[in-house]
N, C-alpha and C. Protein backbone atom coordinates (compact mmCIF):
# COMPACT_ATOMS: atom_id res chain seq x y z
N MET A 1 133.46 96.16 81.08
CA MET A 1 133.88 97.33 81.83
C MET A 1 135.39 97.49 81.69
N LYS A 2 135.81 98.71 81.41
CA LYS A 2 137.23 98.99 81.27
C LYS A 2 137.91 98.95 82.64
N THR A 3 139.16 98.51 82.65
CA THR A 3 139.94 98.57 83.87
C THR A 3 140.67 99.91 83.92
N LYS A 4 141.01 100.33 85.12
CA LYS A 4 141.72 101.59 85.30
C LYS A 4 143.18 101.43 84.88
N SER A 5 143.71 102.46 84.26
CA SER A 5 145.13 102.47 83.96
C SER A 5 145.89 102.77 85.26
N ALA A 6 147.17 102.52 85.24
CA ALA A 6 148.00 102.83 86.42
C ALA A 6 147.95 104.32 86.72
N ALA A 7 147.95 105.15 85.68
CA ALA A 7 147.90 106.60 85.88
C ALA A 7 146.57 107.02 86.51
N ALA A 8 145.47 106.44 86.06
CA ALA A 8 144.16 106.76 86.63
C ALA A 8 144.08 106.31 88.08
N SER A 9 144.63 105.13 88.38
CA SER A 9 144.63 104.64 89.77
C SER A 9 145.41 105.58 90.67
N ARG A 10 146.56 106.02 90.20
CA ARG A 10 147.38 106.96 90.99
C ARG A 10 146.63 108.28 91.19
N HIS A 11 145.98 108.76 90.15
CA HIS A 11 145.22 110.01 90.26
C HIS A 11 144.12 109.87 91.32
N LEU A 12 143.38 108.78 91.30
CA LEU A 12 142.32 108.57 92.28
C LEU A 12 142.88 108.47 93.70
N GLU A 13 144.04 107.87 93.86
CA GLU A 13 144.69 107.82 95.17
C GLU A 13 145.02 109.22 95.66
N ARG A 14 145.54 110.05 94.77
CA ARG A 14 145.87 111.44 95.13
C ARG A 14 144.62 112.22 95.49
N VAL A 15 143.55 112.02 94.74
CA VAL A 15 142.28 112.72 95.02
C VAL A 15 141.78 112.33 96.40
N ALA A 16 141.71 111.04 96.68
CA ALA A 16 141.22 110.58 97.98
C ALA A 16 142.09 111.08 99.12
N ALA A 17 143.40 111.17 98.89
CA ALA A 17 144.32 111.62 99.94
C ALA A 17 144.09 113.07 100.35
N LEU A 18 143.41 113.84 99.51
CA LEU A 18 143.12 115.24 99.86
C LEU A 18 142.16 115.34 101.04
N GLY A 19 141.36 114.32 101.26
CA GLY A 19 140.31 114.37 102.28
C GLY A 19 139.06 115.03 101.73
N CYS A 20 137.98 114.88 102.43
CA CYS A 20 136.67 115.37 101.98
C CYS A 20 136.67 116.90 101.81
N LEU A 21 136.28 117.35 100.62
CA LEU A 21 136.22 118.79 100.36
C LEU A 21 135.13 119.48 101.15
N VAL A 22 134.01 118.81 101.34
CA VAL A 22 132.92 119.44 102.10
C VAL A 22 133.34 119.64 103.55
N CYS A 23 133.94 118.62 104.15
CA CYS A 23 134.43 118.77 105.53
C CYS A 23 135.48 119.87 105.61
N ARG A 24 136.39 119.89 104.64
CA ARG A 24 137.44 120.92 104.58
C ARG A 24 136.81 122.30 104.48
N ASN A 25 135.86 122.46 103.56
CA ASN A 25 135.23 123.76 103.34
C ASN A 25 134.37 124.20 104.52
N ASN A 26 133.88 123.25 105.30
CA ASN A 26 133.07 123.56 106.49
C ASN A 26 133.94 123.82 107.71
N GLY A 27 135.26 123.72 107.56
CA GLY A 27 136.16 123.95 108.68
C GLY A 27 136.29 122.78 109.62
N ASP A 28 135.91 121.59 109.16
CA ASP A 28 135.96 120.40 110.00
C ASP A 28 137.28 119.66 109.91
N GLY A 29 138.23 120.20 109.18
CA GLY A 29 139.54 119.57 109.07
C GLY A 29 139.54 118.39 108.11
N TYR A 30 140.57 117.55 108.27
CA TYR A 30 140.76 116.41 107.38
C TYR A 30 139.82 115.27 107.75
N THR A 31 139.11 114.75 106.77
CA THR A 31 138.27 113.56 106.92
C THR A 31 138.62 112.62 105.78
N PRO A 32 138.91 111.35 106.06
CA PRO A 32 139.23 110.41 104.98
C PRO A 32 138.13 110.42 103.91
N ALA A 33 138.57 110.31 102.66
CA ALA A 33 137.63 110.45 101.54
C ALA A 33 137.68 109.26 100.59
N GLU A 34 136.59 109.13 99.86
CA GLU A 34 136.51 108.23 98.73
C GLU A 34 136.24 109.11 97.51
N CYS A 35 136.45 108.59 96.34
CA CYS A 35 136.29 109.39 95.13
C CYS A 35 134.86 109.35 94.61
N HIS A 36 134.33 110.52 94.39
CA HIS A 36 133.02 110.67 93.75
C HIS A 36 133.27 111.05 92.30
N HIS A 37 132.81 110.23 91.38
CA HIS A 37 132.93 110.51 89.96
C HIS A 37 131.82 111.48 89.58
N THR A 38 132.20 112.68 89.17
CA THR A 38 131.21 113.70 88.84
C THR A 38 130.36 113.27 87.66
N ARG A 39 129.28 113.97 87.46
CA ARG A 39 128.38 113.73 86.33
C ARG A 39 128.54 114.84 85.28
N LEU A 40 129.63 115.58 85.35
CA LEU A 40 129.79 116.77 84.52
C LEU A 40 129.74 116.50 83.03
N TYR A 41 130.44 115.48 82.57
CA TYR A 41 130.50 115.22 81.14
C TYR A 41 129.99 113.83 80.80
N GLY A 42 129.32 113.20 81.74
CA GLY A 42 128.72 111.90 81.48
C GLY A 42 127.41 112.10 80.73
N SER A 43 126.92 111.08 80.13
CA SER A 43 125.66 111.21 79.39
C SER A 43 124.54 110.47 80.11
N ALA A 44 123.37 111.03 80.07
CA ALA A 44 122.15 110.41 80.60
C ALA A 44 122.34 109.83 82.01
N GLY A 45 122.89 110.65 82.90
CA GLY A 45 123.04 110.24 84.29
C GLY A 45 124.24 109.36 84.56
N LYS A 46 125.07 109.13 83.55
CA LYS A 46 126.26 108.30 83.75
C LYS A 46 127.40 109.17 84.26
N ARG A 47 128.25 108.56 85.05
CA ARG A 47 129.37 109.29 85.62
C ARG A 47 130.44 109.59 84.59
N SER A 48 131.24 110.60 84.92
CA SER A 48 132.39 110.95 84.09
C SER A 48 133.54 110.02 84.41
N GLY A 49 134.63 110.19 83.71
CA GLY A 49 135.80 109.35 83.92
C GLY A 49 136.50 109.61 85.24
N HIS A 50 137.50 108.79 85.51
CA HIS A 50 138.25 108.87 86.76
C HIS A 50 138.92 110.23 86.95
N TRP A 51 139.27 110.89 85.88
CA TRP A 51 140.00 112.15 85.95
C TRP A 51 139.11 113.29 86.42
N LEU A 52 137.82 113.09 86.48
CA LEU A 52 136.88 114.14 86.90
C LEU A 52 136.22 113.77 88.22
N SER A 53 137.03 113.30 89.16
CA SER A 53 136.53 112.87 90.47
C SER A 53 136.87 113.90 91.54
N ILE A 54 136.02 113.94 92.56
CA ILE A 54 136.26 114.81 93.72
C ILE A 54 136.25 113.96 94.99
N PRO A 55 136.99 114.39 96.02
CA PRO A 55 137.05 113.62 97.25
C PRO A 55 135.92 113.99 98.21
N LEU A 56 135.17 112.98 98.63
CA LEU A 56 134.10 113.17 99.61
C LEU A 56 134.17 112.05 100.63
N CYS A 57 133.90 112.36 101.89
CA CYS A 57 133.81 111.31 102.90
C CYS A 57 132.55 110.49 102.62
N SER A 58 132.45 109.34 103.23
CA SER A 58 131.31 108.46 102.94
C SER A 58 129.98 109.12 103.30
N ILE A 59 129.96 109.95 104.33
CA ILE A 59 128.71 110.64 104.73
C ILE A 59 128.31 111.65 103.66
N HIS A 60 129.24 112.49 103.21
CA HIS A 60 128.92 113.50 102.20
C HIS A 60 128.79 112.90 100.80
N HIS A 61 129.23 111.68 100.62
CA HIS A 61 129.13 111.04 99.32
C HIS A 61 127.86 110.22 99.19
N ARG A 62 127.67 109.22 100.07
CA ARG A 62 126.59 108.26 99.82
C ARG A 62 125.80 107.84 101.04
N LEU A 63 126.27 108.10 102.25
CA LEU A 63 125.57 107.61 103.43
C LEU A 63 124.66 108.63 104.10
N GLY A 64 124.94 109.91 103.92
CA GLY A 64 124.13 110.94 104.57
C GLY A 64 122.75 111.06 103.94
N GLY A 65 121.85 111.63 104.67
CA GLY A 65 120.49 111.83 104.16
C GLY A 65 120.40 113.00 103.21
N ILE A 66 119.20 113.42 102.90
CA ILE A 66 118.97 114.52 101.96
C ILE A 66 119.70 115.77 102.43
N GLY A 67 120.48 116.35 101.52
CA GLY A 67 121.27 117.54 101.82
C GLY A 67 122.62 117.23 102.44
N VAL A 68 122.81 116.01 102.91
CA VAL A 68 124.09 115.62 103.52
C VAL A 68 124.87 114.74 102.55
N GLY A 69 124.25 113.71 102.01
CA GLY A 69 124.90 112.80 101.06
C GLY A 69 124.53 113.17 99.63
N PHE A 70 125.53 113.29 98.77
CA PHE A 70 125.29 113.66 97.38
C PHE A 70 124.25 112.76 96.73
N HIS A 71 124.37 111.47 96.93
CA HIS A 71 123.47 110.53 96.26
C HIS A 71 122.09 110.44 96.91
N SER A 72 121.87 111.20 97.96
CA SER A 72 120.55 111.25 98.60
C SER A 72 119.70 112.40 98.11
N GLY A 73 120.28 113.27 97.34
CA GLY A 73 119.54 114.43 96.83
C GLY A 73 120.50 115.47 96.29
N ARG A 74 120.87 115.32 95.04
CA ARG A 74 121.90 116.15 94.44
C ARG A 74 121.60 117.64 94.49
N GLN A 75 120.41 118.05 94.14
CA GLN A 75 120.10 119.48 94.08
C GLN A 75 120.23 120.14 95.45
N THR A 76 119.70 119.52 96.47
CA THR A 76 119.81 120.07 97.82
C THR A 76 121.27 120.08 98.26
N TRP A 77 121.97 118.98 97.99
CA TRP A 77 123.38 118.87 98.36
C TRP A 77 124.20 119.98 97.71
N GLU A 78 123.98 120.21 96.41
CA GLU A 78 124.74 121.24 95.70
C GLU A 78 124.38 122.64 96.19
N ALA A 79 123.14 122.87 96.56
CA ALA A 79 122.75 124.17 97.09
C ALA A 79 123.49 124.47 98.40
N LEU A 80 123.76 123.43 99.17
CA LEU A 80 124.45 123.60 100.44
C LEU A 80 125.97 123.58 100.32
N ASN A 81 126.49 122.83 99.36
CA ASN A 81 127.93 122.56 99.33
C ASN A 81 128.66 123.04 98.08
N GLY A 82 127.94 123.52 97.09
CA GLY A 82 128.55 123.92 95.83
C GLY A 82 128.36 122.83 94.79
N ASP A 83 128.40 123.24 93.54
CA ASP A 83 128.16 122.25 92.49
C ASP A 83 129.44 121.48 92.16
N GLU A 84 129.27 120.41 91.41
CA GLU A 84 130.39 119.53 91.10
C GLU A 84 131.50 120.26 90.35
N ALA A 85 131.16 121.17 89.45
CA ALA A 85 132.18 121.90 88.69
C ALA A 85 133.05 122.73 89.63
N LEU A 86 132.45 123.41 90.57
CA LEU A 86 133.19 124.21 91.54
C LEU A 86 134.12 123.32 92.38
N LEU A 87 133.60 122.20 92.84
CA LEU A 87 134.40 121.30 93.67
C LEU A 87 135.49 120.59 92.86
N LEU A 88 135.23 120.33 91.59
CA LEU A 88 136.26 119.76 90.74
C LEU A 88 137.39 120.77 90.54
N ASP A 89 137.05 122.02 90.31
CA ASP A 89 138.08 123.07 90.19
C ASP A 89 138.93 123.13 91.46
N GLN A 90 138.29 123.07 92.62
CA GLN A 90 139.01 123.10 93.88
C GLN A 90 139.93 121.88 94.00
N THR A 91 139.44 120.72 93.62
CA THR A 91 140.24 119.49 93.66
C THR A 91 141.49 119.64 92.79
N LEU A 92 141.31 120.11 91.57
CA LEU A 92 142.43 120.24 90.66
C LEU A 92 143.44 121.26 91.15
N GLU A 93 142.97 122.35 91.75
CA GLU A 93 143.88 123.35 92.32
C GLU A 93 144.69 122.75 93.47
N LEU A 94 144.04 121.99 94.32
CA LEU A 94 144.77 121.36 95.44
C LEU A 94 145.80 120.35 94.95
N LEU A 95 145.45 119.61 93.92
CA LEU A 95 146.40 118.64 93.36
C LEU A 95 147.61 119.35 92.73
N GLU A 96 147.36 120.47 92.07
CA GLU A 96 148.46 121.24 91.47
C GLU A 96 149.39 121.80 92.52
N ALA A 97 148.83 122.16 93.67
CA ALA A 97 149.62 122.77 94.75
C ALA A 97 150.50 121.77 95.48
N GLU A 98 150.27 120.48 95.27
CA GLU A 98 151.07 119.46 95.96
C GLU A 98 152.50 119.48 95.52
């Protein structure tokens, strides 16, 4: 397994510092986030690189049930919250605005 470069580590720190996009978009304010590695350009269900991550709180990322946590049911989650490409665009726009 490859180790993260210093630049990738800094990028992931900046992404997480944005707070959960789903909470933000729902008007719930800032919620601490962890990085979700999108599946946009990964192959056969594998995640993309660190540079294609979006910030999600633990509930919206992995702990919530179907429709709440991404890893509990991606299609339902995306129908409710937007797809990964849309949220990645939002993440990159917020990072640029810093």
